[in-house]
Amino acid sequence: MRKLIVATGNPGKLREIQEYLTGFAWELQLKPDDLDIEETGDTFIANACFKASQVARALGEWAIADDSGLEVEALGGAPGIYSARYGKTDQERIERLLKELGDSENRRAQFVCAVAIARRDGSIAAFVEGTCPGEILREPCGTGGFGYDPIFYVPQQQQTFAQMQPEVKRKLSHRGRAFEKLLPKLREIESEV
């Protein structure tokens, strides 16, 4: 098994990535807690590449990183790369977003996920970006998921992310679409490892 360091301290993220990589011969491990990587990029791809590169270089192992967030059209793309820092809790983030959006008729939004894989020397072997278009509801709906899921409505599914079954969300989501693009590249990468 080849080792692949997931550039996060979040075990839930590791499990999620593991599900997308079923069938690949990679042993996923969390980055050490004491290895902090600042997200200094101004795009999701820049942040994912930076995190993967820094972790790979620091540990001398292959690394994978993602960066994701919500872009709301009427807010000029905000909260964007600052999605996780838009408030201290999910509730605060949702309340702030709904307050800033107000009565705007334009509720169009998209979730974005960038994923990058870095070689042991920190060079980027592959990166992709996936998006899931949707709309922002005026109030939360559903009890599943996390973050902005209760207010992110996907018209083709007629549900919020918080209402969807996990397997449906995994397939339709921005992260699912990013990994769908990444898997063929990962097969090519396996041959160079």
Foldseek 3Di string as FASTA:
>chain_A
DAEEEELDPDVVVQVLVCVLQPPDPYDYDYQDPVDDDDQDDPAFQSSQLRSQLSSLQVVLGKYKYKQKAKAWVVVVGPPHSCQPVCDPALVSSQVSVLVVCDPPPRFKMKMKMKMWMAHSNSHTQDMFMFMAIFGFANDFDAQADGRSQRGGARVVVRHGNRHDDVVVCCCRHRVNRRSVVCVVSVVVVVVVD
